Amino acid sequence: MSEKQLKDEQRHKQKMQRQKKRIDASIAGANEDRGVLILLTGDGKGKTSSAFGMIMRALGYGYRVGVVQFIKGEQLSGEELFLKDVLPQVDFYQMGTGFTWDTQDRARDIEAAEKTWSVVEPMLSDHSYHLVILDEITYMLSFKYLDEERVINALTARPRNQSVVLTGRGGGTAIREIADTVSEVKEVRHAYNSGIKARRGVDF
């Protein structure tokens, strides 16, 4: 090994040692053990996909999971088929009205949202749920289909060890303030805008 290579190796080792020290200190500082509230928002693709990835993690440890989807189209999605056919142990509920811009019936959408929330509230007070996914719920707040204060109160009063993941664009101002983790998915480019059809197994 040349002298330059030795110096490069030494610099790399010192850099990794400093990084390890920072990471170890960060891990040591995170000593509170409780459930978390996670908001996945933004205009990019991948919010629901990320939330459903956490379902797999929770199930891997044998935890109980509840999933409620507030806005989805009438077309079946891969995640819906998987949960119903392969993972029936996951408690899965859909609002079932399709996209609100398709129904164009505010009164009906509010009624459906409130009915769906009546499914959510018991989950948020049930200690047996380790993880609850509320997919596309932010739309319900931005369109004012659900009372924001009621939603926030239920989220903050949930069992200490229960984690909740909320997804959707907009409507999440109050949720941002109470969430432990907020991730914003930014759209840089989307195939759909180039005229490419949504693909089964990738987009739905």
Foldseek 3Di string as FASTA:
>chain_A
DDPVVVVVVVVVVVVVVVVVVVVVVVVVVPDDAWAFEEEEEADDPDQVVVVVVVVVVCVVVPAAEEEEEEAAAPDDAPVNCCCVPPNVSHHYYYLPPHHCVVVVDLVVSLVSVVVSVVVVLVVQADPRHQEYEYEACLVCQVVVSDDPVVVVVSNVPGDGRHYYYYYHYHNCPVVVVRGPYYHYDYDPDDVVVVVDDDDHPPRD
